[in-house]
């Protein structure tokens, strides 16, 4: 269920929401934090970490990792 494209899309949606809600003074800093390359690398790291987890732990881990964006 939590394959690379799915996790990447979750990160993109969260990043877009974060950027939309950011104060105008913080938009540039956030834009640097959430580049496409950063999101792809983070999605790859998350999916790699998920490969050794049991299913109940995966949902919790993905939700926490996406929130920490």
PDB file of N, CA and C in Angstrom:
ATOM      1  N   UNK A   1       0.809  -1.192   0.000  1.00  0.00           N
ATOM      2  CA  UNK A   1       0.000   0.000   0.000  1.00  0.00           C
ATOM      3  C   UNK A   1       0.853   1.257   0.000  1.00  0.00           C
ATOM      4  N   UNK A   2       1.901   1.299   0.773  1.00  0.00           N
ATOM      5  CA  UNK A   2       2.743   2.493   0.865  1.00  0.00           C
ATOM      6  C   UNK A   2       3.942   2.360  -0.066  1.00  0.00           C
ATOM      7  N   UNK A   3       3.683   2.443  -1.355  1.00  0.00           N
ATOM      8  CA  UNK A   3       4.779   2.390  -2.304  1.00  0.00           C
ATOM      9  C   UNK A   3       5.297   3.812  -2.562  1.00  0.00           C
ATOM     10  N   UNK A   4       6.384   3.898  -3.307  1.00  0.00           N
ATOM     11  CA  UNK A   4       7.058   5.176  -3.536  1.00  0.00           C
ATOM     12  C   UNK A   4       6.142   6.256  -4.122  1.00  0.00           C
ATOM     13  N   UNK A   5       5.381   5.992  -5.197  1.00  0.00           N
ATOM     14  CA  UNK A   5       4.522   7.060  -5.744  1.00  0.00           C
ATOM     15  C   UNK A   5       3.467   7.556  -4.751  1.00  0.00           C
ATOM     16  N   UNK A   6       2.931   6.650  -3.947  1.00  0.00           N
ATOM     17  CA  UNK A   6       1.919   7.041  -2.969  1.00  0.00           C
ATOM     18  C   UNK A   6       2.522   7.952  -1.897  1.00  0.00           C
ATOM     19  N   UNK A   7       3.677   7.580  -1.372  1.00  0.00           N
ATOM     20  CA  UNK A   7       4.333   8.386  -0.339  1.00  0.00           C
ATOM     21  C   UNK A   7       4.771   9.729  -0.920  1.00  0.00           C
ATOM     22  N   UNK A   8       5.281   9.726  -2.141  1.00  0.00           N
ATOM     23  CA  UNK A   8       5.682  10.977  -2.780  1.00  0.00           C
ATOM     24  C   UNK A   8       4.492  11.914  -2.946  1.00  0.00           C
ATOM     25  N   UNK A   9       3.363  11.379  -3.327  1.00  0.00           N
ATOM     26  CA  UNK A   9       2.165  12.212  -3.484  1.00  0.00           C
ATOM     27  C   UNK A   9       1.695  12.766  -2.137  1.00  0.00           C
ATOM     28  N   UNK A  10       1.765  11.961  -1.088  1.00  0.00           N
ATOM     29  CA  UNK A  10       1.432  12.459   0.250  1.00  0.00           C
ATOM     30  C   UNK A  10       2.339  13.626   0.633  1.00  0.00           C
ATOM     31  N   UNK A  11       3.621  13.489   0.356  1.00  0.00           N
ATOM     32  CA  UNK A  11       4.563  14.560   0.671  1.00  0.00           C
ATOM     33  C   UNK A  11       4.286  15.811  -0.152  1.00  0.00           C
ATOM     34  N   UNK A  12       3.957  15.638  -1.428  1.00  0.00           N
ATOM     35  CA  UNK A  12       3.651  16.794  -2.284  1.00  0.00           C
ATOM     36  C   UNK A  12       2.421  17.545  -1.786  1.00  0.00           C
ATOM     37  N   UNK A  13       1.394  16.804  -1.413  1.00  0.00           N
ATOM     38  CA  UNK A  13       0.165  17.428  -0.918  1.00  0.00           C
ATOM     39  C   UNK A  13       0.441  18.177   0.381  1.00  0.00           C
ATOM     40  N   UNK A  14       1.182  17.560   1.270  1.00  0.00           N
ATOM     41  CA  UNK A  14       1.520  18.202   2.538  1.00  0.00           C
ATOM     42  C   UNK A  14       2.381  19.439   2.310  1.00  0.00           C
ATOM     43  N   UNK A  15       3.328  19.350   1.395  1.00  0.00           N
ATOM     44  CA  UNK A  15       4.192  20.487   1.095  1.00  0.00           C
ATOM     45  C   UNK A  15       3.397  21.644   0.498  1.00  0.00           C
ATOM     46  N   UNK A  16       2.470  21.348  -0.385  1.00  0.00           N
ATOM     47  CA  UNK A  16       1.641  22.397  -0.981  1.00  0.00           C
ATOM     48  C   UNK A  16       0.781  23.071   0.075  1.00  0.00           C
ATOM     49  N   UNK A  17       0.237  22.281   0.979  1.00  0.00           N
ATOM     50  CA  UNK A  17      -0.567  22.844   2.054  1.00  0.00           C
ATOM     51  C   UNK A  17       0.279  23.694   2.987  1.00  0.00           C
ATOM     52  N   UNK A  18       1.463  23.231   3.304  1.00  0.00           N
ATOM     53  CA  UNK A  18       2.377  23.981   4.154  1.00  0.00           C
ATOM     54  C   UNK A  18       2.752  25.317   3.511  1.00  0.00           C
ATOM     55  N   UNK A  19       3.034  25.285   2.236  1.00  0.00           N
ATOM     56  CA  UNK A  19       3.410  26.503   1.524  1.00  0.00           C
ATOM     57  C   UNK A  19       2.223  27.469   1.423  1.00  0.00           C
ATOM     58  N   UNK A  20       1.040  26.935   1.235  1.00  0.00           N
ATOM     59  CA  UNK A  20      -0.147  27.777   1.123  1.00  0.00           C
ATOM     60  C   UNK A  20      -0.466  28.476   2.443  1.00  0.00           C
ATOM     61  N   UNK A  21      -0.261  27.783   3.575  1.00  0.00           N
ATOM     62  CA  UNK A  21      -0.587  28.344   4.883  1.00  0.00           C
ATOM     63  C   UNK A  21       0.531  29.190   5.482  1.00  0.00           C
ATOM     64  N   UNK A  22       1.696  29.193   4.869  1.00  0.00           N
ATOM     65  CA  UNK A  22       2.846  29.901   5.434  1.00  0.00           C
ATOM     66  C   UNK A  22       2.664  31.418   5.387  1.00  0.00           C
ATOM     67  N   UNK A  23       3.269  32.064   6.337  1.00  0.00           N
ATOM     68  CA  UNK A  23       3.294  33.520   6.331  1.00  0.00           C
ATOM     69  C   UNK A  23       4.142  33.992   5.167  1.00  0.00           C
ATOM     70  N   UNK A  24       3.860  35.168   4.673  1.00  0.00           N
ATOM     71  CA  UNK A  24       4.596  35.659   3.507  1.00  0.00           C
ATOM     72  C   UNK A  24       6.090  35.786   3.787  1.00  0.00           C
ATOM     73  N   UNK A  25       6.456  36.056   5.030  1.00  0.00           N
ATOM     74  CA  UNK A  25       7.871  36.182   5.375  1.00  0.00           C
ATOM     75  C   UNK A  25       8.588  34.831   5.393  1.00  0.00           C
ATOM     76  N   UNK A  26       7.840  33.742   5.488  1.00  0.00           N
ATOM     77  CA  UNK A  26       8.446  32.408   5.556  1.00  0.00           C
ATOM     78  C   UNK A  26       8.343  31.628   4.254  1.00  0.00           C
ATOM     79  N   UNK A  27       7.653  32.144   3.273  1.00  0.00           N
ATOM     80  CA  UNK A  27       7.419  31.400   2.028  1.00  0.00           C
ATOM     81  C   UNK A  27       8.716  31.023   1.321  1.00  0.00           C
ATOM     82  N   UNK A  28       9.681  31.918   1.288  1.00  0.00           N
ATOM     83  CA  UNK A  28      10.942  31.619   0.601  1.00  0.00           C
ATOM     84  C   UNK A  28      11.707  30.507   1.307  1.00  0.00           C
ATOM     85  N   UNK A  29      11.743  30.550   2.633  1.00  0.00           N
ATOM     86  CA  UNK A  29      12.448  29.518   3.401  1.00  0.00           C
ATOM     87  C   UNK A  29      11.776  28.163   3.204  1.00  0.00           C
ATOM     88  N   UNK A  30      10.471  28.145   3.217  1.00  0.00           N
ATOM     89  CA  UNK A  30       9.738  26.893   3.031  1.00  0.00           C
ATOM     90  C   UNK A  30       9.926  26.368   1.616  1.00  0.00           C
ATOM     91  N   UNK A  31       9.932  27.256   0.640  1.00  0.00           N
ATOM     92  CA  UNK A  31      10.135  26.827  -0.749  1.00  0.00           C
ATOM     93  C   UNK A  31      11.490  26.147  -0.913  1.00  0.00           C
ATOM     94  N   UNK A  32      12.497  26.612  -0.217  1.00  0.00           N
ATOM     95  CA  UNK A  32      13.817  25.969  -0.277  1.00  0.00           C
ATOM     96  C   UNK A  32      13.810  24.624   0.420  1.00  0.00           C
ATOM     97  N   UNK A  33      12.991  24.481   1.446  1.00  0.00           N
ATOM     98  CA  UNK A  33      12.922  23.225   2.204  1.00  0.00           C
ATOM     99  C   UNK A  33      12.200  22.122   1.444  1.00  0.00           C
ATOM    100  N   UNK A  34      11.285  22.484   0.578  1.00  0.00           N
ATOM    101  CA  UNK A  34      10.424  21.475  -0.047  1.00  0.00           C
ATOM    102  C   UNK A  34      10.599  21.429  -1.561  1.00  0.00           C
ATOM    103  N   UNK A  35      11.819  21.399  -2.002  1.00  0.00           N
ATOM    104  CA  UNK A  35      12.060  21.257  -3.437  1.00  0.00           C
ATOM    105  C   UNK A  35      11.660  19.854  -3.886  1.00  0.00           C
ATOM    106  N   UNK A  36      11.472  19.686  -5.166  1.00  0.00           N
ATOM    107  CA  UNK A  36      11.074  18.372  -5.695  1.00  0.00           C
ATOM    108  C   UNK A  36      12.124  17.312  -5.369  1.00  0.00           C
ATOM    109  N   UNK A  37      13.376  17.691  -5.459  1.00  0.00           N
ATOM    110  CA  UNK A  37      14.446  16.740  -5.152  1.00  0.00           C
ATOM    111  C   UNK A  37      14.391  16.301  -3.685  1.00  0.00           C
ATOM    112  N   UNK A  38      14.140  17.243  -2.800  1.00  0.00           N
ATOM    113  CA  UNK A  38      14.027  16.923  -1.382  1.00  0.00           C
ATOM    114  C   UNK A  38      12.860  15.982  -1.124  1.00  0.00           C
ATOM    115  N   UNK A  39      11.733  16.258  -1.768  1.00  0.00           N
ATOM    116  CA  UNK A  39      10.559  15.404  -1.581  1.00  0.00           C
ATOM    117  C   UNK A  39      10.806  13.996  -2.116  1.00  0.00           C
ATOM    118  N   UNK A  40      11.473  13.891  -3.276  1.00  0.00           N
ATOM    119  CA  UNK A  40      11.768  12.565  -3.830  1.00  0.00           C
ATOM    120  C   UNK A  40      12.709  11.788  -2.918  1.00  0.00           C
ATOM    121  N   UNK A  41      13.750  12.461  -2.410  1.00  0.00           N
ATOM    122  CA  UNK A  41      14.694  11.794  -1.513  1.00  0.00           C
ATOM    123  C   UNK A  41      14.021  11.349  -0.219  1.00  0.00           C
ATOM    124  N   UNK A  42      13.150  12.196   0.309  1.00  0.00           N
ATOM    125  CA  UNK A  42      12.441  11.853   1.541  1.00  0.00           C
ATOM    126  C   UNK A  42      11.491  10.677   1.310  1.00  0.00           C
ATOM    127  N   UNK A  43      10.792  10.672   0.180  1.00  0.00           N
ATOM    128  CA  UNK A  43       9.884   9.560  -0.136  1.00  0.00           C
ATOM    129  C   UNK A  43      10.666   8.260  -0.280  1.00  0.00           C
ATOM    130  N   UNK A  44      11.827   8.334  -0.911  1.00  0.00           N
ATOM    131  CA  UNK A  44      12.657   7.139  -1.063  1.00  0.00           C
ATOM    132  C   UNK A  44      13.125   6.621   0.292  1.00  0.00           C
ATOM    133  N   UNK A  45      13.532   7.522   1.174  1.00  0.00           N
ATOM    134  CA  UNK A  45      13.982   7.118   2.509  1.00  0.00           C
ATOM    135  C   UNK A  45      12.834   6.497   3.308  1.00  0.00           C
ATOM    136  N   UNK A  46      11.662   7.077   3.203  1.00  0.00           N
ATOM    137  CA  UNK A  46      10.501   6.550   3.931  1.00  0.00           C
ATOM    138  C   UNK A  46      10.142   5.160   3.434  1.00  0.00           C
ATOM    139  N   UNK A  47      10.066   4.976   2.115  1.00  0.00           N
ATOM    140  CA  UNK A  47       9.700   3.663   1.587  1.00  0.00           C
ATOM    141  C   UNK A  47      10.762   2.619   1.897  1.00  0.00           C
ATOM    142  N   UNK A  48      12.005   3.026   1.919  1.00  0.00           N
ATOM    143  CA  UNK A  48      13.076   2.094   2.280  1.00  0.00           C
ATOM    144  C   UNK A  48      12.913   1.640   3.734  1.00  0.00           C
ATOM    145  N   UNK A  49      12.590   2.571   4.590  1.00  0.00           N
ATOM    146  CA  UNK A  49      12.403   2.251   6.003  1.00  0.00           C
ATOM    147  C   UNK A  49      11.183   1.360   6.214  1.00  0.00           C
ATOM    148  N   UNK A  50      10.157   1.530   5.387  1.00  0.00           N
ATOM    149  CA  UNK A  50       8.933   0.746   5.527  1.00  0.00           C
ATOM    150  C   UNK A  50       9.112  -0.719   5.168  1.00  0.00           C
ATOM    151  N   UNK A  51      10.137  -1.030   4.395  1.00  0.00           N
ATOM    152  CA  UNK A  51      10.293  -2.404   3.915  1.00  0.00           C
ATOM    153  C   UNK A  51      10.481  -3.405   5.049  1.00  0.00           C
ATOM    154  N   UNK A  52      10.981  -2.978   6.184  1.00  0.00           N
ATOM    155  CA  UNK A  52      11.190  -3.896   7.287  1.00  0.00           C
ATOM    156  C   UNK A  52      10.137  -3.821   8.374  1.00  0.00           C
ATOM    157  N   UNK A  53       9.065  -3.075   8.150  1.00  0.00           N
ATOM    158  CA  UNK A  53       8.054  -2.875   9.195  1.00  0.00           C
ATOM    159  C   UNK A  53       6.822  -3.735   8.967  1.00  0.00           C
ATOM    160  N   UNK A  54       6.157  -4.022  10.053  1.00  0.00           N
ATOM    161  CA  UNK A  54       4.860  -4.708   9.984  1.00  0.00           C
ATOM    162  C   UNK A  54       3.797  -3.692   9.577  1.00  0.00           C
ATOM    163  N   UNK A  55       2.707  -4.170   9.031  1.00  0.00           N
ATOM    164  CA  UNK A  55       1.653  -3.285   8.506  1.00  0.00           C
ATOM    165  C   UNK A  55       1.096  -2.297   9.532  1.00  0.00           C
ATOM    166  N   UNK A  56       0.815  -2.702  10.771  1.00  0.00           N
ATOM    167  CA  UNK A  56       0.264  -1.720  11.723  1.00  0.00           C
ATOM    168  C   UNK A  56       1.219  -0.556  11.997  1.00  0.00           C
ATOM    169  N   UNK A  57       2.497  -0.830  11.991  1.00  0.00           N
ATOM    170  CA  UNK A  57       3.480   0.224  12.243  1.00  0.00           C
ATOM    171  C   UNK A  57       3.645   1.151  11.048  1.00  0.00           C
ATOM    172  N   UNK A  58       3.433   0.655   9.860  1.00  0.00           N
ATOM    173  CA  UNK A  58       3.637   1.449   8.644  1.00  0.00           C
ATOM    174  C   UNK A  58       2.759   2.686   8.614  1.00  0.00           C
ATOM    175  N   UNK A  59       1.485   2.514   8.909  1.00  0.00           N
ATOM    176  CA  UNK A  59       0.563   3.644   8.850  1.00  0.00           C
ATOM    177  C   UNK A  59       0.989   4.737   9.817  1.00  0.00           C
ATOM    178  N   UNK A  60       1.352   4.358  11.023  1.00  0.00           N
ATOM    179  CA  UNK A  60       1.783   5.330  12.018  1.00  0.00           C
ATOM    180  C   UNK A  60       3.082   6.020  11.583  1.00  0.00           C
ATOM    181  N   UNK A  61       4.016   5.247  11.073  1.00  0.00           N
ATOM    182  CA  UNK A  61       5.298   5.815  10.656  1.00  0.00           C
ATOM    183  C   UNK A  61       5.129   6.795   9.491  1.00  0.00           C
ATOM    184  N   UNK A  62       4.335   6.436   8.488  1.00  0.00           N
ATOM    185  CA  UNK A  62       4.127   7.308   7.332  1.00  0.00           C
ATOM    186  C   UNK A  62       3.439   8.600   7.766  1.00  0.00           C
ATOM    187  N   UNK A  63       2.426   8.502   8.605  1.00  0.00           N
ATOM    188  CA  UNK A  63       1.723   9.697   9.071  1.00  0.00           C
ATOM    189  C   UNK A  63       2.672  10.621   9.829  1.00  0.00           C
ATOM    190  N   UNK A  64       3.506  10.064  10.676  1.00  0.00           N
ATOM    191  CA  UNK A  64       4.449  10.887  11.446  1.00  0.00           C
ATOM    192  C   UNK A  64       5.515  11.491  10.519  1.00  0.00           C
ATOM    193  N   UNK A  65       6.001  10.732   9.570  1.00  0.00           N
ATOM    194  CA  UNK A  65       7.048  11.229   8.669  1.00  0.00           C
ATOM    195  C   UNK A  65       6.517  12.349   7.777  1.00  0.00           C
ATOM    196  N   UNK A  66       5.286  12.247   7.339  1.00  0.00           N
ATOM    197  CA  UNK A  66       4.703  13.291   6.496  1.00  0.00           C
ATOM    198  C   UNK A  66       4.443  14.547   7.328  1.00  0.00           C
ATOM    199  N   UNK A  67       4.010  14.395   8.562  1.00  0.00           N
ATOM    200  CA  UNK A  67       3.787  15.562   9.425  1.00  0.00           C
ATOM    201  C   UNK A  67       5.079  16.307   9.714  1.00  0.00           C
ATOM    202  N   UNK A  68       6.194  15.584   9.793  1.00  0.00           N
ATOM    203  CA  UNK A  68       7.490  16.205  10.098  1.00  0.00           C
ATOM    204  C   UNK A  68       8.094  16.959   8.932  1.00  0.00           C
ATOM    205  N   UNK A  69       7.411  17.004   7.839  1.00  0.00           N
ATOM    206  CA  UNK A  69       7.906  17.693   6.653  1.00  0.00           C
ATOM    207  C   UNK A  69       8.184  19.126   6.984  1.00  0.00           C
TER     208      UNK A  69
END
